[in-house]
Amino acid sequence: MQALERLRSDLGTRHRIPGGRITANGGTAVLVLEDLTVWCHRGVEFTWSAGRNTGGRVILAKAPASELGTAAERVAARYREMLGYDVPHGVRAAG
C-alpha cells in the first residue's frame, strides 16, 4: 500500500492528477483514478490497463515500484489518454 501512496503523491505533485482512492486486500493494493485502476502486488510492481488489442483483449502495462518516476510518467500518460488529452511525444503509455 505504501508504494501506491507514493505513486498517488507523485501523480498529484508532478502531474496534477487528483488524489484517487486506495484500497487494500491481502498483498494487493488498488488505486482508483476515475476510470483508470492501478494495482500493486506486495509493493513490487505497478500494473494498469494500457488499452485493448485489435481482438478486444486488455493490454496490461507494468512498471517496477522501485522506478516510481517512470511509473508515474506512464500512468499519467495513460490517464490523460483516457480523458482524451494529447500525450506528449516520447512518453509511452503502454508497456
Protein backbone atom coordinates (compact mmCIF):
# COMPACT_ATOMS: atom_id res chain seq x y z
CA MET A 1 0.00 0.00 0.00
CA GLN A 2 2.91 2.35 0.69
CA ALA A 3 4.11 2.04 -2.92
CA LEU A 4 0.70 3.16 -4.21
CA GLU A 5 0.60 6.00 -1.68
CA ARG A 6 3.96 7.21 -3.06
CA LEU A 7 2.66 6.86 -6.63
CA ARG A 8 -0.53 8.78 -5.79
CA SER A 9 1.53 11.54 -4.17
CA ASP A 10 3.85 11.79 -7.19
CA LEU A 11 0.90 11.86 -9.60
CA GLY A 12 -0.62 14.73 -7.63
CA THR A 13 2.58 16.71 -7.15
CA ARG A 14 4.29 16.33 -10.53
CA HIS A 15 1.38 15.58 -12.84
CA ARG A 16 -1.55 17.41 -11.18
CA ILE A 17 -3.70 14.30 -11.16
CA PRO A 18 -6.22 14.44 -8.32
CA GLY A 19 -5.96 12.03 -5.39
CA GLY A 20 -7.81 8.86 -6.05
CA ARG A 21 -8.86 6.16 -3.62
CA ILE A 22 -6.59 3.37 -2.37
CA THR A 23 -7.95 0.10 -1.02
CA ALA A 24 -6.06 -3.00 0.01
CA ASN A 25 -6.82 -6.66 0.49
CA GLY A 26 -4.14 -9.14 1.40
CA GLY A 27 -0.98 -8.31 -0.52
CA THR A 28 -2.70 -6.33 -3.26
CA ALA A 29 -3.46 -2.61 -3.14
CA VAL A 30 -5.56 -0.76 -5.72
CA LEU A 31 -5.55 2.93 -6.66
CA VAL A 32 -8.67 4.13 -8.49
CA LEU A 33 -8.25 7.30 -10.57
CA GLU A 34 -11.65 7.83 -12.18
CA ASP A 35 -11.75 5.17 -14.95
CA LEU A 36 -8.10 4.10 -14.52
CA THR A 37 -7.20 1.48 -11.94
CA VAL A 38 -3.60 0.84 -10.89
CA TRP A 39 -2.80 -2.11 -8.68
CA CYS A 40 0.32 -3.15 -6.85
CA HIS A 41 1.04 -6.65 -5.55
CA ARG A 42 3.19 -6.75 -2.42
CA GLY A 43 4.75 -3.36 -3.26
CA VAL A 44 6.84 -4.82 -6.08
CA GLU A 45 5.21 -3.80 -9.35
CA PHE A 46 2.52 -1.42 -10.60
CA THR A 47 0.05 -2.76 -13.18
CA TRP A 48 -2.65 -0.93 -15.13
CA SER A 49 -4.68 -1.26 -18.32
CA ALA A 50 -2.96 0.19 -21.39
CA GLY A 51 -5.97 -0.29 -23.64
CA ARG A 52 -7.20 -3.17 -25.78
CA ASN A 53 -5.69 -5.02 -28.70
CA THR A 54 -7.47 -5.50 -32.03
CA GLY A 55 -9.16 -8.62 -30.66
CA GLY A 56 -10.61 -6.67 -27.73
CA ARG A 57 -8.34 -8.18 -25.08
CA VAL A 58 -6.97 -5.94 -22.35
CA ILE A 59 -3.30 -5.00 -22.66
CA LEU A 60 -1.58 -4.63 -19.31
CA ALA A 61 1.24 -2.19 -18.67
CA LYS A 62 3.70 -2.77 -15.84
CA ALA A 63 6.44 -0.83 -14.12
CA PRO A 64 8.60 -1.73 -11.12
CA ALA A 65 7.62 0.06 -7.92
CA SER A 66 11.33 0.82 -7.48
CA GLU A 67 11.11 3.11 -10.56
CA LEU A 68 8.48 5.47 -9.18
CA GLY A 69 9.21 8.38 -11.54
CA THR A 70 8.95 6.22 -14.65
CA ALA A 71 5.80 4.55 -13.39
CA ALA A 72 4.19 7.91 -12.60
CA GLU A 73 5.04 9.25 -16.09
CA ARG A 74 3.47 6.23 -17.76
CA VAL A 75 0.37 6.16 -15.53
CA ALA A 76 -0.11 9.92 -16.05
CA ALA A 77 0.18 9.47 -19.83
CA ARG A 78 -2.45 6.72 -19.79
CA TYR A 79 -4.72 8.78 -17.53
CA ARG A 80 -4.55 11.74 -19.90
CA GLU A 81 -5.05 9.48 -22.90
CA MET A 82 -8.19 8.02 -21.33
CA LEU A 83 -9.53 11.54 -20.70
CA GLY A 84 -8.87 12.50 -24.31
CA TYR A 85 -5.86 14.75 -23.78
CA ASP A 86 -2.83 14.68 -26.05
CA VAL A 87 0.01 12.54 -24.74
CA PRO A 88 3.44 14.20 -25.10
CA HIS A 89 5.78 12.61 -27.64
CA GLY A 90 8.27 10.22 -26.11
CA VAL A 91 6.02 9.19 -23.21
CA ARG A 92 4.85 5.62 -23.58
CA ALA A 93 1.51 4.82 -22.05
CA ALA A 94 1.65 1.14 -22.97
CA GLY A 95 4.07 -1.36 -21.52
